N, C-alpha and C. Protein backbone atom coordinates (compact mmCIF):
# COMPACT_ATOMS: atom_id res chain seq x y z
N UNK A 1 64.49 68.67 40.26
CA UNK A 1 65.46 68.04 39.45
C UNK A 1 66.25 69.50 39.25
N UNK A 2 67.45 69.59 39.07
CA UNK A 2 68.11 70.24 39.51
C UNK A 2 69.04 69.77 38.01
N UNK A 3 69.31 70.35 36.51
CA UNK A 3 69.52 70.35 35.44
C UNK A 3 70.60 71.50 34.89
N UNK A 4 71.81 71.42 35.69
CA UNK A 4 72.41 72.73 35.26
C UNK A 4 72.72 72.72 33.88
N UNK A 5 72.63 72.19 33.45
CA UNK A 5 73.25 71.66 31.91
C UNK A 5 72.11 72.67 30.61
N UNK A 6 71.09 71.96 31.18
CA UNK A 6 69.56 72.62 30.45
C UNK A 6 69.72 74.15 30.86
N UNK A 7 69.79 74.62 32.25
CA UNK A 7 70.07 75.76 32.79
C UNK A 7 70.78 76.91 32.38
N UNK A 8 71.89 76.57 31.78
CA UNK A 8 73.37 77.23 31.25
C UNK A 8 72.61 77.37 29.84
N UNK A 9 71.82 76.77 28.91
CA UNK A 9 71.85 76.94 27.57
C UNK A 9 70.36 77.69 27.42
N UNK A 10 69.87 78.25 28.13
CA UNK A 10 68.64 78.68 28.06
C UNK A 10 68.74 79.96 28.64
N UNK A 11 69.64 80.10 29.97
CA UNK A 11 69.52 81.50 30.31
C UNK A 11 70.67 82.20 30.40
N UNK A 12 71.83 81.69 30.31
CA UNK A 12 73.22 82.56 29.19
C UNK A 12 72.74 83.16 27.60
N UNK A 13 72.30 84.37 27.84
CA UNK A 13 72.33 84.80 26.46
C UNK A 13 73.62 85.15 25.88
N UNK A 14 73.57 84.78 24.65
CA UNK A 14 74.80 84.92 23.48
C UNK A 14 74.45 86.45 23.33
N UNK A 15 75.97 87.67 23.43
CA UNK A 15 75.68 88.84 23.35
C UNK A 15 75.03 88.66 21.78
N UNK A 16 74.56 89.97 21.53
CA UNK A 16 73.86 90.27 20.24
C UNK A 16 74.59 90.55 19.28
N UNK A 17 74.76 90.31 18.11
CA UNK A 17 75.86 90.30 16.91
C UNK A 17 74.81 91.40 16.05
N UNK A 18 75.12 93.19 15.60
CA UNK A 18 74.42 93.67 14.95
C UNK A 18 74.55 93.27 13.61
N UNK A 19 74.45 92.25 13.12
CA UNK A 19 74.26 91.62 11.67
C UNK A 19 74.03 92.45 10.44
N UNK A 20 72.77 92.95 10.64
CA UNK A 20 72.16 93.93 9.89
C UNK A 20 72.81 95.45 9.61
N UNK A 21 72.84 95.40 10.52
CA UNK A 21 73.66 97.16 10.51
C UNK A 21 75.15 96.83 9.84
N UNK A 22 76.06 95.95 10.38
CA UNK A 22 77.19 95.45 9.68
C UNK A 22 77.30 95.35 8.18
N UNK A 23 76.47 94.52 7.75
CA UNK A 23 75.99 94.27 6.57
C UNK A 23 75.58 95.50 5.44
N UNK A 24 74.86 96.36 6.24
CA UNK A 24 74.49 97.20 5.38
C UNK A 24 75.69 98.69 5.47
N UNK A 25 76.35 98.52 6.56
CA UNK A 25 77.42 99.59 6.04
C UNK A 25 78.59 98.94 5.27
N UNK A 26 78.79 97.66 5.06
CA UNK A 26 79.90 96.94 4.05
C UNK A 26 78.77 97.39 2.55
N UNK A 27 77.59 97.00 2.47
CA UNK A 27 76.65 97.36 1.15
C UNK A 27 76.92 99.04 1.03
N UNK A 28 76.82 99.22 1.85
CA UNK A 28 76.99 101.05 1.88
C UNK A 28 78.28 101.24 1.12
N UNK A 29 79.72 100.62 1.64
CA UNK A 29 80.97 100.58 0.48
C UNK A 29 80.87 100.55 -0.82
N UNK A 30 80.35 99.60 -1.08
CA UNK A 30 80.26 98.49 -2.68
C UNK A 30 79.24 99.77 -3.06
N UNK A 31 78.45 100.48 -2.43
CA UNK A 31 77.44 101.22 -3.28
C UNK A 31 78.33 102.46 -3.68
N UNK A 32 79.27 102.90 -2.53
CA UNK A 32 79.82 104.09 -2.82
C UNK A 32 80.77 103.87 -4.14
N UNK A 33 81.32 102.38 -3.98
CA UNK A 33 81.90 101.77 -5.29
C UNK A 33 81.81 102.14 -6.83
N UNK A 34 80.49 101.38 -6.51
CA UNK A 34 79.75 101.87 -7.95
C UNK A 34 79.47 103.08 -8.59
N UNK A 35 79.25 104.06 -7.15
CA UNK A 35 78.88 105.49 -7.74
C UNK A 35 80.22 106.11 -7.88
N UNK A 36 80.99 105.63 -7.19
CA UNK A 36 82.88 106.45 -8.13
C UNK A 36 82.69 105.49 -9.14
N UNK A 37 82.58 104.19 -9.61
CA UNK A 37 82.47 103.87 -10.87
C UNK A 37 81.75 104.63 -12.06
N UNK A 38 80.82 104.64 -11.54
CA UNK A 38 79.54 105.66 -12.75
C UNK A 38 80.32 107.03 -13.20
N UNK A 39 80.52 107.57 -11.93
CA UNK A 39 81.72 108.78 -12.24
C UNK A 39 82.64 108.89 -12.52
N UNK A 40 83.33 107.57 -13.02
CA UNK A 40 84.69 107.46 -13.54
C UNK A 40 85.98 108.22 -12.84
N UNK A 41 85.74 108.00 -11.49
CA UNK A 41 86.73 108.05 -10.15
C UNK A 41 87.81 107.23 -10.18
N UNK A 42 89.03 107.47 -10.26
CA UNK A 42 89.81 106.60 -10.07
C UNK A 42 89.96 105.55 -8.60
N UNK A 43 90.28 104.74 -8.59
CA UNK A 43 90.28 104.01 -7.47
C UNK A 43 88.59 103.17 -6.73
N UNK A 44 88.00 103.41 -7.39
CA UNK A 44 86.27 102.99 -7.49
C UNK A 44 86.78 101.38 -7.29
N UNK A 45 87.58 100.52 -8.04
CA UNK A 45 87.73 99.39 -8.14
C UNK A 45 88.18 98.78 -6.83
N UNK A 46 89.29 99.66 -5.82
CA UNK A 46 89.54 99.17 -4.76
C UNK A 46 88.62 99.16 -3.93
N UNK A 47 87.69 100.27 -3.59
CA UNK A 47 86.55 100.69 -3.00
C UNK A 47 85.32 99.08 -3.34
N UNK A 48 85.50 99.13 -3.87
CA UNK A 48 84.48 97.78 -4.19
C UNK A 48 85.24 96.97 -3.74
N UNK A 49 86.10 96.03 -3.75
CA UNK A 49 86.95 94.75 -3.18
C UNK A 49 86.89 94.73 -1.84
N UNK A 50 87.67 96.57 -0.97
CA UNK A 50 86.91 96.20 0.14
C UNK A 50 86.08 95.91 0.95
N UNK A 51 84.94 96.35 -0.15
CA UNK A 51 83.62 96.48 0.79
C UNK A 51 83.26 94.97 0.83
N UNK A 52 83.39 94.16 -0.62
CA UNK A 52 83.37 92.63 -1.03
C UNK A 52 83.89 91.78 0.13
N UNK A 53 84.94 92.33 0.51
CA UNK A 53 86.28 91.52 1.13
C UNK A 53 85.60 91.71 2.64
N UNK A 54 84.91 92.86 2.67
CA UNK A 54 84.53 93.13 4.64
C UNK A 54 82.92 92.02 4.65
N UNK A 55 82.49 92.19 3.42
CA UNK A 55 81.14 91.63 3.75
C UNK A 55 81.32 90.18 3.71
N UNK A 56 82.14 89.41 2.77
CA UNK A 56 82.47 88.39 2.83
C UNK A 56 83.35 87.56 4.13
N UNK A 57 84.24 88.50 4.68
CA UNK A 57 84.89 88.13 6.08
C UNK A 57 83.87 88.03 7.47
N UNK A 58 83.14 89.32 6.89
CA UNK A 58 81.81 89.29 7.93
C UNK A 58 81.15 88.00 8.16
N UNK A 59 80.47 87.61 7.13
CA UNK A 59 79.46 86.38 7.21
C UNK A 59 80.31 85.57 7.17
N UNK A 60 81.84 84.80 6.80
CA UNK A 60 82.17 84.27 7.04
C UNK A 60 82.78 83.62 9.13
N UNK A 61 82.58 85.33 9.83
CA UNK A 61 83.85 84.95 11.12
C UNK A 61 81.30 84.88 11.63
N UNK A 62 80.60 85.57 10.89
CA UNK A 62 79.31 84.96 11.57
C UNK A 62 78.67 83.51 11.87
N UNK A 63 78.85 82.90 11.13
CA UNK A 63 78.36 81.72 10.35
C UNK A 63 79.35 80.39 11.09
N UNK A 64 80.51 80.41 11.04
CA UNK A 64 81.57 79.70 11.36
C UNK A 64 82.27 80.17 12.54
N UNK A 65 82.81 80.95 13.30
CA UNK A 65 82.95 81.68 14.90
C UNK A 65 81.53 81.65 15.63
N UNK A 66 80.89 82.50 15.08
CA UNK A 66 79.68 83.14 15.84
C UNK A 66 78.58 81.92 16.00
N UNK A 67 78.78 81.52 14.88
CA UNK A 67 77.30 79.75 14.52
C UNK A 67 76.34 80.79 14.50
N UNK A 68 75.84 81.73 14.34
CA UNK A 68 74.45 82.89 13.95
C UNK A 68 74.31 82.02 12.62
N UNK A 69 73.06 81.18 12.86
CA UNK A 69 72.42 81.32 11.71
C UNK A 69 71.32 81.82 11.52
N UNK A 70 71.06 82.61 9.96
CA UNK A 70 70.16 83.46 9.70
C UNK A 70 70.39 83.55 8.22
N UNK A 71 69.08 83.64 7.65
CA UNK A 71 68.48 83.04 6.14
C UNK A 71 69.50 84.43 5.22
N UNK A 72 69.83 85.76 5.80
CA UNK A 72 70.05 86.67 5.15
C UNK A 72 72.02 86.16 4.86
N UNK A 73 72.35 85.48 5.86
CA UNK A 73 73.75 85.78 5.92
C UNK A 73 74.37 84.47 4.71
N UNK A 74 73.33 83.37 4.72
CA UNK A 74 73.41 82.29 3.39
C UNK A 74 73.09 82.57 2.54
N UNK A 75 72.38 83.77 2.31
CA UNK A 75 72.03 84.32 1.08
C UNK A 75 73.43 85.84 0.97
N UNK A 76 73.91 86.49 1.48
CA UNK A 76 74.91 86.91 1.42
C UNK A 76 76.16 86.37 1.28
N UNK A 77 76.26 84.72 1.99
CA UNK A 77 77.65 83.70 1.53
C UNK A 77 77.29 83.10 -0.14
N UNK A 78 76.27 83.10 0.20
CA UNK A 78 76.34 82.30 -1.79
C UNK A 78 76.63 83.77 -2.80
N UNK A 79 76.41 84.99 -2.54
CA UNK A 79 76.18 85.89 -2.93
C UNK A 79 78.09 85.84 -3.24
N UNK A 80 78.26 85.91 -2.23
CA UNK A 80 80.21 86.25 -2.07
C UNK A 80 80.86 84.98 -2.66
N UNK A 81 80.10 83.98 -2.73
CA UNK A 81 80.96 82.92 -3.06
C UNK A 81 81.44 82.81 -4.72
N UNK A 82 79.88 83.10 -4.95
CA UNK A 82 80.10 83.77 -6.96
C UNK A 82 80.64 84.70 -7.37
N UNK A 83 80.71 85.90 -6.22
CA UNK A 83 81.87 86.83 -6.44
C UNK A 83 83.06 86.61 -6.44
N UNK A 84 83.40 85.89 -5.55
CA UNK A 84 84.49 85.25 -5.39
C UNK A 84 85.37 84.31 -6.87
N UNK A 85 83.95 83.73 -7.53
CA UNK A 85 85.01 82.79 -8.39
C UNK A 85 84.94 83.82 -9.44
N UNK A 86 83.93 84.77 -9.88
CA UNK A 86 84.49 85.90 -10.73
C UNK A 86 85.56 87.03 -10.79
N UNK A 87 85.95 86.80 -9.74
CA UNK A 87 87.29 87.50 -9.38
C UNK A 87 88.48 86.24 -9.44
N UNK A 88 88.59 85.28 -9.49
CA UNK A 88 89.60 83.91 -9.84
C UNK A 88 89.31 83.96 -10.92
N UNK A 89 87.84 84.01 -11.60
CA UNK A 89 87.47 83.88 -12.98
C UNK A 89 88.61 84.66 -14.37
N UNK A 90 88.24 85.94 -13.48
CA UNK A 90 88.50 87.15 -14.46
C UNK A 90 90.40 87.15 -14.26
N UNK A 91 91.03 86.81 -13.35
CA UNK A 91 92.01 86.98 -12.60
C UNK A 91 92.76 85.81 -13.59
N UNK A 92 92.62 84.71 -13.86
CA UNK A 92 93.62 83.50 -14.27
C UNK A 92 92.53 83.04 -15.90
N UNK A 93 91.29 83.26 -16.25
CA UNK A 93 90.70 82.78 -17.35
C UNK A 93 90.13 84.10 -18.64
N UNK A 94 90.20 85.12 -17.69
CA UNK A 94 89.80 85.52 -18.92
C UNK A 94 90.74 87.25 -18.77
N UNK A 95 92.08 87.17 -18.73
CA UNK A 95 93.52 88.14 -19.23
C UNK A 95 92.65 89.38 -18.55
N UNK A 96 92.17 89.07 -16.89
CA UNK A 96 92.11 90.56 -16.24
C UNK A 96 91.32 90.99 -16.29
N UNK A 97 90.05 89.96 -17.01
CA UNK A 97 88.75 91.03 -16.65
C UNK A 97 88.06 90.80 -15.41
N UNK A 98 87.06 90.69 -14.85
CA UNK A 98 86.59 92.16 -14.42
C UNK A 98 88.16 92.96 -13.40
N UNK A 99 88.33 91.78 -12.83
CA UNK A 99 89.65 92.18 -11.89
C UNK A 99 91.20 91.17 -12.17
N UNK A 100 92.15 91.46 -12.01
CA UNK A 100 93.00 91.02 -12.76
C UNK A 100 93.86 90.26 -11.67
N UNK A 101 95.51 89.98 -11.10
CA UNK A 101 95.83 89.05 -9.90
C UNK A 101 96.12 90.36 -9.11
N UNK A 102 96.13 91.15 -9.03
CA UNK A 102 97.00 92.22 -8.42
C UNK A 102 95.13 92.35 -7.31
N UNK A 103 94.32 92.65 -8.33
CA UNK A 103 92.75 92.86 -7.31
C UNK A 103 92.83 91.21 -7.14
N UNK A 104 92.76 90.30 -6.95
CA UNK A 104 92.54 88.94 -6.54
C UNK A 104 93.15 89.54 -4.86
N UNK A 105 94.78 89.85 -5.06
CA UNK A 105 95.36 89.52 -4.15
C UNK A 105 95.16 89.98 -3.25
N UNK A 106 94.19 91.75 -3.35
CA UNK A 106 93.87 92.69 -2.70
C UNK A 106 93.05 91.94 -1.89
N UNK A 107 91.67 91.28 -2.71
CA UNK A 107 90.98 90.81 -2.52
C UNK A 107 90.82 90.02 -0.87
N UNK A 108 91.72 88.89 -1.52
CA UNK A 108 92.01 87.94 -0.34
C UNK A 108 92.53 88.52 1.05
N UNK A 109 93.83 89.32 0.86
CA UNK A 109 94.50 89.97 1.99
C UNK A 109 93.23 91.11 2.73
N UNK A 110 92.64 91.70 2.42
CA UNK A 110 91.08 92.42 2.88
C UNK A 110 90.21 91.39 3.37
N UNK A 111 89.68 90.14 3.18
CA UNK A 111 88.84 89.15 3.60
C UNK A 111 89.95 88.55 4.81
N UNK A 112 90.82 88.41 4.61
CA UNK A 112 91.71 87.22 6.02
C UNK A 112 92.05 88.52 7.25
N UNK A 113 92.43 89.65 6.78
CA UNK A 113 93.12 90.64 7.51
C UNK A 113 91.21 91.49 8.48
N UNK A 114 90.44 91.85 7.85
CA UNK A 114 88.91 92.20 8.34
C UNK A 114 88.81 90.51 9.06
N UNK A 115 88.99 89.36 8.57
CA UNK A 115 88.07 88.02 9.90
C UNK A 115 89.06 88.36 10.93
N UNK A 116 90.43 88.31 10.49
CA UNK A 116 91.55 88.05 11.66
C UNK A 116 90.82 89.37 12.93
N UNK A 117 90.88 90.21 12.38
CA UNK A 117 90.50 91.62 12.80
C UNK A 117 89.26 91.43 13.96
N UNK A 118 87.81 90.80 13.11
CA UNK A 118 86.66 90.18 13.51
C UNK A 118 86.90 88.98 14.73
N UNK A 119 87.99 88.08 14.62
CA UNK A 119 88.14 87.05 15.92
C UNK A 119 89.01 87.91 17.09
N UNK A 120 89.99 89.08 16.64
CA UNK A 120 90.33 88.98 17.58
C UNK A 120 89.66 90.51 18.41
N UNK A 121 88.27 91.38 17.87
CA UNK A 121 87.13 91.81 18.49
C UNK A 121 86.55 91.11 19.35
N UNK A 122 86.34 89.87 18.53
CA UNK A 122 85.26 88.90 19.45
C UNK A 122 85.77 88.17 20.77
N UNK A 123 87.28 87.99 20.87
CA UNK A 123 88.09 87.79 21.70
C UNK A 123 88.19 88.63 23.21
N UNK A 124 88.33 89.46 22.63
CA UNK A 124 88.36 91.20 23.48
C UNK A 124 87.05 91.27 24.50
N UNK A 125 85.91 91.08 23.46
CA UNK A 125 85.07 91.04 23.98
C UNK A 125 84.45 90.49 25.21
N UNK A 126 84.62 88.91 24.37
CA UNK A 126 84.56 87.73 25.24
C UNK A 126 85.39 87.76 26.47
N UNK A 127 86.46 88.38 26.88
CA UNK A 127 88.01 88.14 27.76
C UNK A 127 86.93 89.36 28.55
N UNK A 128 86.30 90.46 28.25
CA UNK A 128 86.29 91.94 28.94
C UNK A 128 84.95 91.17 29.73
N UNK A 129 83.76 90.68 29.27
CA UNK A 129 82.84 89.91 29.58
C UNK A 129 82.80 88.75 30.52
N UNK A 130 83.96 87.68 30.66
CA UNK A 130 84.83 87.18 31.63
C UNK A 130 84.94 88.02 33.11
N UNK A 131 85.76 89.01 32.91
CA UNK A 131 86.32 90.13 33.82
C UNK A 131 85.32 90.55 34.58
N UNK A 132 83.87 91.25 33.78
CA UNK A 132 82.74 91.45 34.45
C UNK A 132 81.96 90.53 35.12
N UNK A 133 82.07 88.89 34.94
CA UNK A 133 81.18 88.47 35.39
C UNK A 133 82.12 87.86 36.51
N UNK A 134 83.46 87.86 36.68
CA UNK A 134 84.01 87.57 37.63
C UNK A 134 83.85 88.21 38.69
N UNK A 135 83.75 89.64 38.35
CA UNK A 135 84.04 91.13 39.49
C UNK A 135 82.07 90.97 39.86
N UNK A 136 82.10 90.25 39.35
CA UNK A 136 80.07 90.44 39.78
C UNK A 136 80.02 89.29 40.84
N UNK A 137 80.61 88.39 40.60
CA UNK A 137 80.55 87.08 41.62
C UNK A 137 81.41 87.70 42.60
N UNK A 138 82.36 87.96 42.57
CA UNK A 138 82.82 88.41 43.80
C UNK A 138 82.64 89.57 44.81
N UNK A 139 81.51 90.30 43.89
CA UNK A 139 81.07 91.32 44.44
C UNK A 139 79.44 90.88 45.44
N UNK A 140 79.10 89.57 44.82
CA UNK A 140 77.89 88.92 45.09
C UNK A 140 78.08 88.27 46.31
N UNK A 141 79.50 87.73 46.76
CA UNK A 141 79.81 86.44 47.97
C UNK A 141 80.43 87.35 48.73
């Protein structure tokens, strides 16, 4: 029995996404921001905002676009939703503590820019793989 649909599902492996490595890089950026905060270095809040925005955009990209289902991604999504609510609460209900409206704007822009960057990179890799597959099929015939 020749069932091509099932063959395609099981034989075509999705390209791997190094989720743990990428999340560790973003957590390292946040940790750097926390160390800078302890040392009372100017710009520490910006490093923390960029790091948390990077994690949130990557988690959204992995779950929504790539449809990768991993437990640590859902855990990071829950943490990021709480962190986003802290941003909104601080900006609008707590007189700018811990972050004001400018911090919220930077966070939203960071999330959007990294999300679009991830999508563009994914589409670039996808078209690159299609070209390689087409060239392989042409050389095989």
